[in-house]
Amino acid sequence: PAPPRFLPEFDNVLLGHADRTRIIPAALKGLNGVGNQTYGSVLVDGLFAAVWRLDTARDAPAVVTVQEVRPLTAAEREAVTGEARDLMAAMTPATEYDVRFGAFVDLGR
């Protein structure tokens, strides 16, 4: 099993290959972006499982919102939360972090 990974928008792993089925299952094709806009993607065990965004505000905790494109197990959510906290520690000067999960809303379909 591969650990969860947060990929930024326009990451080459997802955009640099004509055939992305080794990372994005056919049932989830097209959910990592709308038109020419892509979302940050979360890989769980090497496969696309969620989209993410980071919100920061002055004097407030940094928040990573993870929207599941397929249901995550409790163990997967725990692993994603740990990776999200590491991401926030590297990307923001914030000292407080919050990770929120929600269902994916596909605005492009």
PDB file of N, CA and C in Angstrom:
ATOM      1  N   PRO A   1       0.832  -1.207   0.000  1.00  0.00           N
ATOM      2  CA  PRO A   1       0.000   0.000   0.000  1.00  0.00           C
ATOM      3  C   PRO A   1       0.870   1.262   0.000  1.00  0.00           C
ATOM      4  N   ALA A   2       0.426   2.247  -0.733  1.00  0.00           N
ATOM      5  CA  ALA A   2       1.131   3.530  -0.795  1.00  0.00           C
ATOM      6  C   ALA A   2       0.482   4.509   0.175  1.00  0.00           C
ATOM      7  N   PRO A   3       1.274   5.367   0.812  1.00  0.00           N
ATOM      8  CA  PRO A   3       0.685   6.368   1.722  1.00  0.00           C
ATOM      9  C   PRO A   3      -0.095   7.412   0.928  1.00  0.00           C
ATOM     10  N   PRO A   4      -1.018   8.117   1.593  1.00  0.00           N
ATOM     11  CA  PRO A   4      -1.756   9.178   0.898  1.00  0.00           C
ATOM     12  C   PRO A   4      -0.799  10.260   0.413  1.00  0.00           C
ATOM     13  N   ARG A   5      -1.135  10.852  -0.719  1.00  0.00           N
ATOM     14  CA  ARG A   5      -0.346  11.943  -1.267  1.00  0.00           C
ATOM     15  C   ARG A   5      -1.279  13.036  -1.756  1.00  0.00           C
ATOM     16  N   PHE A   6      -0.927  14.271  -1.437  1.00  0.00           N
ATOM     17  CA  PHE A   6      -1.664  15.435  -1.902  1.00  0.00           C
ATOM     18  C   PHE A   6      -0.924  15.986  -3.119  1.00  0.00           C
ATOM     19  N   LEU A   7      -1.593  15.988  -4.267  1.00  0.00           N
ATOM     20  CA  LEU A   7      -1.001  16.521  -5.487  1.00  0.00           C
ATOM     21  C   LEU A   7      -1.598  17.901  -5.743  1.00  0.00           C
ATOM     22  N   PRO A   8      -0.771  18.859  -6.177  1.00  0.00           N
ATOM     23  CA  PRO A   8      -1.295  20.195  -6.477  1.00  0.00           C
ATOM     24  C   PRO A   8      -2.063  20.194  -7.796  1.00  0.00           C
ATOM     25  N   GLU A   9      -2.748  21.311  -8.046  1.00  0.00           N
ATOM     26  CA  GLU A   9      -3.403  21.461  -9.342  1.00  0.00           C
ATOM     27  C   GLU A   9      -2.348  21.354 -10.428  1.00  0.00           C
ATOM     28  N   PHE A  10      -2.727  20.839 -11.555  1.00  0.00           N
ATOM     29  CA  PHE A  10      -1.861  20.732 -12.732  1.00  0.00           C
ATOM     30  C   PHE A  10      -0.621  19.874 -12.484  1.00  0.00           C
ATOM     31  N   ASP A  11      -0.698  18.914 -11.583  1.00  0.00           N
ATOM     32  CA  ASP A  11       0.445  18.042 -11.336  1.00  0.00           C
ATOM     33  C   ASP A  11       0.676  17.121 -12.531  1.00  0.00           C
ATOM     34  N   ASN A  12       1.925  16.934 -12.883  1.00  0.00           N
ATOM     35  CA  ASN A  12       2.289  16.136 -14.051  1.00  0.00           C
ATOM     36  C   ASN A  12       1.845  14.676 -13.928  1.00  0.00           C
ATOM     37  N   VAL A  13       1.751  14.157 -12.733  1.00  0.00           N
ATOM     38  CA  VAL A  13       1.310  12.764 -12.561  1.00  0.00           C
ATOM     39  C   VAL A  13      -0.067  12.563 -13.184  1.00  0.00           C
ATOM     40  N   LEU A  14      -0.939  13.561 -13.055  1.00  0.00           N
ATOM     41  CA  LEU A  14      -2.292  13.428 -13.585  1.00  0.00           C
ATOM     42  C   LEU A  14      -2.459  14.012 -14.982  1.00  0.00           C
ATOM     43  N   LEU A  15      -1.632  14.970 -15.351  1.00  0.00           N
ATOM     44  CA  LEU A  15      -1.825  15.640 -16.631  1.00  0.00           C
ATOM     45  C   LEU A  15      -0.876  15.185 -17.732  1.00  0.00           C
ATOM     46  N   GLY A  16       0.215  14.540 -17.367  1.00  0.00           N
ATOM     47  CA  GLY A  16       1.241  14.214 -18.347  1.00  0.00           C
ATOM     48  C   GLY A  16       1.051  12.908 -19.079  1.00  0.00           C
ATOM     49  N   HIS A  17      -0.070  12.262 -18.910  1.00  0.00           N
ATOM     50  CA  HIS A  17      -0.279  10.963 -19.545  1.00  0.00           C
ATOM     51  C   HIS A  17      -1.635  10.933 -20.235  1.00  0.00           C
ATOM     52  N   ALA A  18      -1.668  10.418 -21.447  1.00  0.00           N
ATOM     53  CA  ALA A  18      -2.934  10.292 -22.161  1.00  0.00           C
ATOM     54  C   ALA A  18      -3.833   9.265 -21.481  1.00  0.00           C
ATOM     55  N   ASP A  19      -3.237   8.189 -20.983  1.00  0.00           N
ATOM     56  CA  ASP A  19      -3.998   7.145 -20.293  1.00  0.00           C
ATOM     57  C   ASP A  19      -3.737   7.270 -18.792  1.00  0.00           C
ATOM     58  N   ARG A  20      -4.731   7.761 -18.071  1.00  0.00           N
ATOM     59  CA  ARG A  20      -4.575   7.991 -16.629  1.00  0.00           C
ATOM     60  C   ARG A  20      -5.262   6.908 -15.792  1.00  0.00           C
ATOM     61  N   THR A  21      -5.689   5.822 -16.429  1.00  0.00           N
ATOM     62  CA  THR A  21      -6.461   4.814 -15.709  1.00  0.00           C
ATOM     63  C   THR A  21      -5.663   4.095 -14.630  1.00  0.00           C
ATOM     64  N   ARG A  22      -4.352   4.167 -14.666  1.00  0.00           N
ATOM     65  CA  ARG A  22      -3.571   3.533 -13.599  1.00  0.00           C
ATOM     66  C   ARG A  22      -3.647   4.339 -12.304  1.00  0.00           C
ATOM     67  N   ILE A  23      -4.127   5.593 -12.386  1.00  0.00           N
ATOM     68  CA  ILE A  23      -4.256   6.450 -11.214  1.00  0.00           C
ATOM     69  C   ILE A  23      -5.708   6.858 -10.969  1.00  0.00           C
ATOM     70  N   ILE A  24      -6.437   7.131 -12.051  1.00  0.00           N
ATOM     71  CA  ILE A  24      -7.836   7.550 -11.930  1.00  0.00           C
ATOM     72  C   ILE A  24      -8.730   6.449 -12.485  1.00  0.00           C
ATOM     73  N   PRO A  25      -9.450   5.732 -11.617  1.00  0.00           N
ATOM     74  CA  PRO A  25     -10.361   4.690 -12.099  1.00  0.00           C
ATOM     75  C   PRO A  25     -11.389   5.269 -13.079  1.00  0.00           C
ATOM     76  N   ALA A  26     -11.819   4.469 -14.020  1.00  0.00           N
ATOM     77  CA  ALA A  26     -12.748   4.918 -15.064  1.00  0.00           C
ATOM     78  C   ALA A  26     -13.994   5.590 -14.477  1.00  0.00           C
ATOM     79  N   ALA A  27     -14.508   5.072 -13.362  1.00  0.00           N
ATOM     80  CA  ALA A  27     -15.715   5.636 -12.752  1.00  0.00           C
ATOM     81  C   ALA A  27     -15.497   7.050 -12.221  1.00  0.00           C
ATOM     82  N   LEU A  28     -14.249   7.425 -11.980  1.00  0.00           N
ATOM     83  CA  LEU A  28     -13.941   8.747 -11.415  1.00  0.00           C
ATOM     84  C   LEU A  28     -13.330   9.692 -12.448  1.00  0.00           C
ATOM     85  N   LYS A  29     -13.264   9.254 -13.679  1.00  0.00           N
ATOM     86  CA  LYS A  29     -12.662  10.065 -14.742  1.00  0.00           C
ATOM     87  C   LYS A  29     -13.365  11.417 -14.837  1.00  0.00           C
ATOM     88  N   GLY A  30     -12.566  12.470 -14.933  1.00  0.00           N
ATOM     89  CA  GLY A  30     -13.103  13.809 -15.103  1.00  0.00           C
ATOM     90  C   GLY A  30     -13.448  14.543 -13.823  1.00  0.00           C
ATOM     91  N   LEU A  31     -13.340  13.879 -12.680  1.00  0.00           N
ATOM     92  CA  LEU A  31     -13.700  14.533 -11.422  1.00  0.00           C
ATOM     93  C   LEU A  31     -12.563  15.352 -10.815  1.00  0.00           C
ATOM     94  N   ASN A  32     -11.386  15.279 -11.408  1.00  0.00           N
ATOM     95  CA  ASN A  32     -10.264  16.046 -10.860  1.00  0.00           C
ATOM     96  C   ASN A  32     -10.144  17.421 -11.512  1.00  0.00           C
ATOM     97  N   GLY A  33     -11.175  17.849 -12.228  1.00  0.00           N
ATOM     98  CA  GLY A  33     -11.162  19.187 -12.803  1.00  0.00           C
ATOM     99  C   GLY A  33     -12.386  19.453 -13.648  1.00  0.00           C
ATOM    100  N   VAL A  34     -12.573  20.735 -13.955  1.00  0.00           N
ATOM    101  CA  VAL A  34     -13.670  21.166 -14.803  1.00  0.00           C
ATOM    102  C   VAL A  34     -13.078  22.069 -15.879  1.00  0.00           C
ATOM    103  N   GLY A  35     -13.302  21.730 -17.135  1.00  0.00           N
ATOM    104  CA  GLY A  35     -12.754  22.535 -18.222  1.00  0.00           C
ATOM    105  C   GLY A  35     -11.240  22.596 -18.134  1.00  0.00           C
ATOM    106  N   ASN A  36     -10.706  23.819 -18.125  1.00  0.00           N
ATOM    107  CA  ASN A  36      -9.259  23.961 -18.035  1.00  0.00           C
ATOM    108  C   ASN A  36      -8.779  24.181 -16.598  1.00  0.00           C
ATOM    109  N   GLN A  37      -9.656  23.984 -15.624  1.00  0.00           N
ATOM    110  CA  GLN A  37      -9.296  24.116 -14.210  1.00  0.00           C
ATOM    111  C   GLN A  37      -9.198  22.735 -13.580  1.00  0.00           C
ATOM    112  N   THR A  38      -8.069  22.448 -12.951  1.00  0.00           N
ATOM    113  CA  THR A  38      -7.951  21.187 -12.221  1.00  0.00           C
ATOM    114  C   THR A  38      -7.933  21.483 -10.733  1.00  0.00           C
ATOM    115  N   TYR A  39      -8.274  20.475  -9.956  1.00  0.00           N
ATOM    116  CA  TYR A  39      -8.275  20.589  -8.500  1.00  0.00           C
ATOM    117  C   TYR A  39      -7.037  19.894  -7.947  1.00  0.00           C
ATOM    118  N   GLY A  40      -6.665  20.257  -6.735  1.00  0.00           N
ATOM    119  CA  GLY A  40      -5.672  19.471  -6.027  1.00  0.00           C
ATOM    120  C   GLY A  40      -6.265  18.089  -5.808  1.00  0.00           C
ATOM    121  N   SER A  41      -5.491  17.060  -6.004  1.00  0.00           N
ATOM    122  CA  SER A  41      -5.997  15.692  -5.909  1.00  0.00           C
ATOM    123  C   SER A  41      -5.328  14.952  -4.766  1.00  0.00           C
ATOM    124  N   VAL A  42      -6.075  14.057  -4.149  1.00  0.00           N
ATOM    125  CA  VAL A  42      -5.537  13.200  -3.092  1.00  0.00           C
ATOM    126  C   VAL A  42      -5.504  11.780  -3.628  1.00  0.00           C
ATOM    127  N   LEU A  43      -4.320  11.182  -3.561  1.00  0.00           N
ATOM    128  CA  LEU A  43      -4.187   9.774  -3.927  1.00  0.00           C
ATOM    129  C   LEU A  43      -4.161   8.948  -2.647  1.00  0.00           C
ATOM    130  N   VAL A  44      -4.956   7.906  -2.612  1.00  0.00           N
ATOM    131  CA  VAL A  44      -4.970   6.968  -1.491  1.00  0.00           C
ATOM    132  C   VAL A  44      -4.630   5.603  -2.070  1.00  0.00           C
ATOM    133  N   ASP A  45      -3.562   5.017  -1.562  1.00  0.00           N
ATOM    134  CA  ASP A  45      -3.039   3.761  -2.086  1.00  0.00           C
ATOM    135  C   ASP A  45      -2.751   3.863  -3.585  1.00  0.00           C
ATOM    136  N   GLY A  46      -2.294   5.054  -3.999  1.00  0.00           N
ATOM    137  CA  GLY A  46      -1.896   5.267  -5.375  1.00  0.00           C
ATOM    138  C   GLY A  46      -3.016   5.596  -6.340  1.00  0.00           C
ATOM    139  N   LEU A  47      -4.256   5.665  -5.855  1.00  0.00           N
ATOM    140  CA  LEU A  47      -5.398   5.945  -6.725  1.00  0.00           C
ATOM    141  C   LEU A  47      -6.120   7.218  -6.280  1.00  0.00           C
ATOM    142  N   PHE A  48      -6.648   7.944  -7.250  1.00  0.00           N
ATOM    143  CA  PHE A  48      -7.413   9.163  -6.999  1.00  0.00           C
ATOM    144  C   PHE A  48      -8.598   8.850  -6.099  1.00  0.00           C
ATOM    145  N   ALA A  49      -8.718   9.595  -4.979  1.00  0.00           N
ATOM    146  CA  ALA A  49      -9.791   9.327  -4.030  1.00  0.00           C
ATOM    147  C   ALA A  49     -10.514  10.586  -3.559  1.00  0.00           C
ATOM    148  N   ALA A  50      -9.885  11.767  -3.743  1.00  0.00           N
ATOM    149  CA  ALA A  50     -10.482  13.001  -3.234  1.00  0.00           C
ATOM    150  C   ALA A  50      -9.833  14.198  -3.902  1.00  0.00           C
ATOM    151  N   VAL A  51     -10.483  15.336  -3.747  1.00  0.00           N
ATOM    152  CA  VAL A  51      -9.887  16.616  -4.126  1.00  0.00           C
ATOM    153  C   VAL A  51      -9.681  17.403  -2.844  1.00  0.00           C
ATOM    154  N   TRP A  52      -8.777  18.385  -2.898  1.00  0.00           N
ATOM    155  CA  TRP A  52      -8.476  19.145  -1.688  1.00  0.00           C
ATOM    156  C   TRP A  52      -8.217  20.606  -2.009  1.00  0.00           C
ATOM    157  N   ARG A  53      -8.373  21.435  -0.972  1.00  0.00           N
ATOM    158  CA  ARG A  53      -7.981  22.836  -1.073  1.00  0.00           C
ATOM    159  C   ARG A  53      -7.493  23.288   0.295  1.00  0.00           C
ATOM    160  N   LEU A  54      -6.611  24.254   0.273  1.00  0.00           N
ATOM    161  CA  LEU A  54      -6.037  24.824   1.493  1.00  0.00           C
ATOM    162  C   LEU A  54      -6.542  26.239   1.634  1.00  0.00           C
ATOM    163  N   ASP A  55      -7.095  26.543   2.801  1.00  0.00           N
ATOM    164  CA  ASP A  55      -7.565  27.891   3.097  1.00  0.00           C
ATOM    165  C   ASP A  55      -6.785  28.420   4.286  1.00  0.00           C
ATOM    166  N   THR A  56      -6.244  29.612   4.126  1.00  0.00           N
ATOM    167  CA  THR A  56      -5.527  30.250   5.221  1.00  0.00           C
ATOM    168  C   THR A  56      -6.082  31.654   5.406  1.00  0.00           C
ATOM    169  N   ALA A  57      -6.146  32.076   6.636  1.00  0.00           N
ATOM    170  CA  ALA A  57      -6.578  33.429   6.972  1.00  0.00           C
ATOM    171  C   ALA A  57      -5.728  33.899   8.138  1.00  0.00           C
ATOM    172  N   ARG A  58      -5.477  35.175   8.165  1.00  0.00           N
ATOM    173  CA  ARG A  58      -4.696  35.739   9.248  1.00  0.00           C
ATOM    174  C   ARG A  58      -5.404  35.482  10.578  1.00  0.00           C
ATOM    175  N   ASP A  59      -4.653  35.086  11.562  1.00  0.00           N
ATOM    176  CA  ASP A  59      -5.160  34.848  12.917  1.00  0.00           C
ATOM    177  C   ASP A  59      -6.230  33.766  12.988  1.00  0.00           C
ATOM    178  N   ALA A  60      -6.151  32.789  12.094  1.00  0.00           N
ATOM    179  CA  ALA A  60      -7.093  31.665  12.114  1.00  0.00           C
ATOM    180  C   ALA A  60      -6.328  30.405  11.760  1.00  0.00           C
ATOM    181  N   PRO A  61      -6.825  29.257  12.215  1.00  0.00           N
ATOM    182  CA  PRO A  61      -6.149  28.003  11.839  1.00  0.00           C
ATOM    183  C   PRO A  61      -6.171  27.793  10.329  1.00  0.00           C
ATOM    184  N   ALA A  62      -5.120  27.178   9.809  1.00  0.00           N
ATOM    185  CA  ALA A  62      -5.112  26.766   8.405  1.00  0.00           C
ATOM    186  C   ALA A  62      -6.076  25.586   8.270  1.00  0.00           C
ATOM    187  N   VAL A  63      -6.830  25.560   7.189  1.00  0.00           N
ATOM    188  CA  VAL A  63      -7.835  24.517   6.994  1.00  0.00           C
ATOM    189  C   VAL A  63      -7.601  23.826   5.655  1.00  0.00           C
ATOM    190  N   VAL A  64      -7.482  22.507   5.701  1.00  0.00           N
ATOM    191  CA  VAL A  64      -7.486  21.703   4.479  1.00  0.00           C
ATOM    192  C   VAL A  64      -8.853  21.034   4.405  1.00  0.00           C
ATOM    193  N   THR A  65      -9.540  21.284   3.302  1.00  0.00           N
ATOM    194  CA  THR A  65     -10.831  20.653   3.070  1.00  0.00           C
ATOM    195  C   THR A  65     -10.623  19.536   2.052  1.00  0.00           C
ATOM    196  N   VAL A  66     -10.992  18.336   2.432  1.00  0.00           N
ATOM    197  CA  VAL A  66     -10.859  17.150   1.591  1.00  0.00           C
ATOM    198  C   VAL A  66     -12.261  16.714   1.192  1.00  0.00           C
ATOM    199  N   GLN A  67     -12.531  16.709  -0.114  1.00  0.00           N
ATOM    200  CA  GLN A  67     -13.832  16.274  -0.606  1.00  0.00           C
ATOM    201  C   GLN A  67     -13.660  14.912  -1.274  1.00  0.00           C
ATOM    202  N   GLU A  68     -14.283  13.913  -0.684  1.00  0.00           N
ATOM    203  CA  GLU A  68     -14.137  12.538  -1.157  1.00  0.00           C
ATOM    204  C   GLU A  68     -14.901  12.311  -2.456  1.00  0.00           C
ATOM    205  N   VAL A  69     -14.237  11.727  -3.441  1.00  0.00           N
ATOM    206  CA  VAL A  69     -14.920  11.332  -4.669  1.00  0.00           C
ATOM    207  C   VAL A  69     -15.337   9.862  -4.590  1.00  0.00           C
ATOM    208  N   ARG A  70     -14.833   9.188  -3.575  1.00  0.00           N
ATOM    209  CA  ARG A  70     -15.292   7.839  -3.221  1.00  0.00           C
ATOM    210  C   ARG A  70     -15.182   7.757  -1.703  1.00  0.00           C
ATOM    211  N   PRO A  71     -16.021   6.972  -1.056  1.00  0.00           N
ATOM    212  CA  PRO A  71     -15.973   6.917   0.402  1.00  0.00           C
ATOM    213  C   PRO A  71     -14.612   6.419   0.905  1.00  0.00           C
ATOM    214  N   LEU A  72     -14.070   7.115   1.894  1.00  0.00           N
ATOM    215  CA  LEU A  72     -12.821   6.698   2.533  1.00  0.00           C
ATOM    216  C   LEU A  72     -13.143   5.931   3.809  1.00  0.00           C
ATOM    217  N   THR A  73     -12.356   4.920   4.098  1.00  0.00           N
ATOM    218  CA  THR A  73     -12.527   4.188   5.350  1.00  0.00           C
ATOM    219  C   THR A  73     -11.982   5.046   6.486  1.00  0.00           C
ATOM    220  N   ALA A  74     -12.279   4.657   7.720  1.00  0.00           N
ATOM    221  CA  ALA A  74     -11.763   5.385   8.881  1.00  0.00           C
ATOM    222  C   ALA A  74     -10.238   5.400   8.885  1.00  0.00           C
ATOM    223  N   ALA A  75      -9.624   4.284   8.545  1.00  0.00           N
ATOM    224  CA  ALA A  75      -8.155   4.212   8.506  1.00  0.00           C
ATOM    225  C   ALA A  75      -7.594   5.116   7.406  1.00  0.00           C
ATOM    226  N   GLU A  76      -8.267   5.163   6.250  1.00  0.00           N
ATOM    227  CA  GLU A  76      -7.820   6.034   5.165  1.00  0.00           C
ATOM    228  C   GLU A  76      -7.952   7.499   5.572  1.00  0.00           C
ATOM    229  N   ARG A  77      -9.063   7.853   6.223  1.00  0.00           N
ATOM    230  CA  ARG A  77      -9.246   9.235   6.689  1.00  0.00           C
ATOM    231  C   ARG A  77      -8.161   9.620   7.692  1.00  0.00           C
ATOM    232  N   GLU A  78      -7.823   8.710   8.575  1.00  0.00           N
ATOM    233  CA  GLU A  78      -6.776   8.982   9.559  1.00  0.00           C
ATOM    234  C   GLU A  78      -5.433   9.222   8.859  1.00  0.00           C
ATOM    235  N   ALA A  79      -5.120   8.406   7.878  1.00  0.00           N
ATOM    236  CA  ALA A  79      -3.866   8.566   7.134  1.00  0.00           C
ATOM    237  C   ALA A  79      -3.868   9.867   6.328  1.00  0.00           C
ATOM    238  N   VAL A  80      -4.997  10.200   5.710  1.00  0.00           N
ATOM    239  CA  VAL A  80      -5.119  11.445   4.952  1.00  0.00           C
ATOM    240  C   VAL A  80      -4.974  12.640   5.894  1.00  0.00           C
ATOM    241  N   THR A  81      -5.558  12.560   7.073  1.00  0.00           N
ATOM    242  CA  THR A  81      -5.446  13.641   8.056  1.00  0.00           C
ATOM    243  C   THR A  81      -3.989  13.871   8.444  1.00  0.00           C
ATOM    244  N   GLY A  82      -3.244  12.810   8.679  1.00  0.00           N
ATOM    245  CA  GLY A  82      -1.831  12.941   9.013  1.00  0.00           C
ATOM    246  C   GLY A  82      -1.038  13.595   7.896  1.00  0.00           C
ATOM    247  N   GLU A  83      -1.294  13.177   6.668  1.00  0.00           N
ATOM    248  CA  GLU A  83      -0.600  13.773   5.518  1.00  0.00           C
ATOM    249  C   GLU A  83      -1.009  15.237   5.346  1.00  0.00           C
ATOM    250  N   ALA A  84      -2.281  15.551   5.587  1.00  0.00           N
ATOM    251  CA  ALA A  84      -2.747  16.943   5.475  1.00  0.00           C
ATOM    252  C   ALA A  84      -2.063  17.828   6.510  1.00  0.00           C
ATOM    253  N   ARG A  85      -1.891  17.328   7.713  1.00  0.00           N
ATOM    254  CA  ARG A  85      -1.199  18.111   8.750  1.00  0.00           C
ATOM    255  C   ARG A  85       0.262  18.353   8.362  1.00  0.00           C
ATOM    256  N   ASP A  86       0.919  17.354   7.799  1.00  0.00           N
ATOM    257  CA  ASP A  86       2.295  17.531   7.318  1.00  0.00           C
ATOM    258  C   ASP A  86       2.334  18.566   6.193  1.00  0.00           C
ATOM    259  N   LEU A  87       1.354  18.512   5.304  1.00  0.00           N
ATOM    260  CA  LEU A  87       1.262  19.470   4.207  1.00  0.00           C
ATOM    261  C   LEU A  87       1.122  20.891   4.741  1.00  0.00           C
ATOM    262  N   MET A  88       0.220  21.084   5.706  1.00  0.00           N
ATOM    263  CA  MET A  88      -0.003  22.417   6.254  1.00  0.00           C
ATOM    264  C   MET A  88       1.234  22.935   6.988  1.00  0.00           C
ATOM    265  N   ALA A  89       1.934  22.058   7.679  1.00  0.00           N
ATOM    266  CA  ALA A  89       3.150  22.470   8.378  1.00  0.00           C
ATOM    267  C   ALA A  89       4.202  22.962   7.392  1.00  0.00           C
ATOM    268  N   ALA A  90       4.245  22.363   6.205  1.00  0.00           N
ATOM    269  CA  ALA A  90       5.224  22.754   5.200  1.00  0.00           C
ATOM    270  C   ALA A  90       4.784  23.974   4.385  1.00  0.00           C
ATOM    271  N   MET A  91       3.473  24.162   4.205  1.00  0.00           N
ATOM    272  CA  MET A  91       2.978  25.201   3.300  1.00  0.00           C
ATOM    273  C   MET A  91       2.534  26.492   3.970  1.00  0.00           C
ATOM    274  N   THR A  92       2.315  26.464   5.278  1.00  0.00           N
ATOM    275  CA  THR A  92       1.783  27.658   5.931  1.00  0.00           C
ATOM    276  C   THR A  92       2.576  27.971   7.196  1.00  0.00           C
ATOM    277  N   PRO A  93       2.575  29.226   7.602  1.00  0.00           N
ATOM    278  CA  PRO A  93       3.198  29.577   8.875  1.00  0.00           C
ATOM    279  C   PRO A  93       2.261  29.356  10.063  1.00  0.00           C
ATOM    280  N   ALA A  94       1.043  28.889   9.786  1.00  0.00           N
ATOM    281  CA  ALA A  94       0.055  28.692  10.848  1.00  0.00           C
ATOM    282  C   ALA A  94       0.558  27.685  11.875  1.00  0.00           C
ATOM    283  N   THR A  95       0.150  27.876  13.104  1.00  0.00           N
ATOM    284  CA  THR A  95       0.508  26.941  14.172  1.00  0.00           C
ATOM    285  C   THR A  95      -0.659  26.029  14.531  1.00  0.00           C
ATOM    286  N   GLU A  96      -1.850  26.358  14.034  1.00  0.00           N
ATOM    287  CA  GLU A  96      -3.026  25.522  14.258  1.00  0.00           C
ATOM    288  C   GLU A  96      -3.547  25.048  12.911  1.00  0.00           C
ATOM    289  N   TYR A  97      -3.964  23.781  12.864  1.00  0.00           N
ATOM    290  CA  TYR A  97      -4.426  23.183  11.627  1.00  0.00           C
ATOM    291  C   TYR A  97      -5.760  22.499  11.853  1.00  0.00           C
ATOM    292  N   ASP A  98      -6.582  22.511  10.817  1.00  0.00           N
ATOM    293  CA  ASP A  98      -7.862  21.818  10.866  1.00  0.00           C
ATOM    294  C   ASP A  98      -8.029  21.073   9.547  1.00  0.00           C
ATOM    295  N   VAL A  99      -8.445  19.833   9.619  1.00  0.00           N
ATOM    296  CA  VAL A  99      -8.709  19.029   8.427  1.00  0.00           C
ATOM    297  C   VAL A  99     -10.192  18.700   8.432  1.00  0.00           C
ATOM    298  N   ARG A 100     -10.863  19.035   7.341  1.00  0.00           N
ATOM    299  CA  ARG A 100     -12.305  18.809   7.227  1.00  0.00           C
ATOM    300  C   ARG A 100     -12.589  17.898   6.041  1.00  0.00           C
ATOM    301  N   PHE A 101     -13.514  16.985   6.227  1.00  0.00           N
ATOM    302  CA  PHE A 101     -13.915  16.064   5.172  1.00  0.00           C
ATOM    303  C   PHE A 101     -15.344  16.360   4.761  1.00  0.00           C
ATOM    304  N   GLY A 102     -15.619  16.158   3.488  1.00  0.00           N
ATOM    305  CA  GLY A 102     -16.967  16.329   2.988  1.00  0.00           C
ATOM    306  C   GLY A 102     -17.140  15.553   1.699  1.00  0.00           C
ATOM    307  N   ALA A 103     -18.361  15.478   1.254  1.00  0.00           N
ATOM    308  CA  ALA A 103     -18.654  14.803  -0.007  1.00  0.00           C
ATOM    309  C   ALA A 103     -18.321  15.742  -1.155  1.00  0.00           C
ATOM    310  N   PHE A 104     -17.869  15.183  -2.242  1.00  0.00           N
ATOM    311  CA  PHE A 104     -17.515  15.947  -3.429  1.00  0.00           C
ATOM    312  C   PHE A 104     -18.785  16.438  -4.121  1.00  0.00           C
ATOM    313  N   VAL A 105     -18.782  17.688  -4.499  1.00  0.00           N
ATOM    314  CA  VAL A 105     -19.883  18.253  -5.278  1.00  0.00           C
ATOM    315  C   VAL A 105     -19.321  18.569  -6.652  1.00  0.00           C
ATOM    316  N   ASP A 106     -19.782  17.860  -7.644  1.00  0.00           N
ATOM    317  CA  ASP A 106     -19.278  18.033  -9.003  1.00  0.00           C
ATOM    318  C   ASP A 106     -20.025  19.163  -9.679  1.00  0.00           C
ATOM    319  N   LEU A 107     -19.394  20.326  -9.739  1.00  0.00           N
ATOM    320  CA  LEU A 107     -20.041  21.492 -10.329  1.00  0.00           C
ATOM    321  C   LEU A 107     -19.981  21.512 -11.849  1.00  0.00           C
ATOM    322  N   GLY A 108     -19.171  20.639 -12.407  1.00  0.00           N
ATOM    323  CA  GLY A 108     -18.984  20.637 -13.849  1.00  0.00           C
ATOM    324  C   GLY A 108     -19.917  19.724 -14.610  1.00  0.00           C
ATOM    325  N   ARG A 109     -20.749  18.976 -13.911  1.00  0.00           N
ATOM    326  CA  ARG A 109     -21.619  18.025 -14.633  1.00  0.00           C
ATOM    327  C   ARG A 109     -23.068  18.358 -14.453  1.00  0.00           C
TER     328      ARG A 109
END
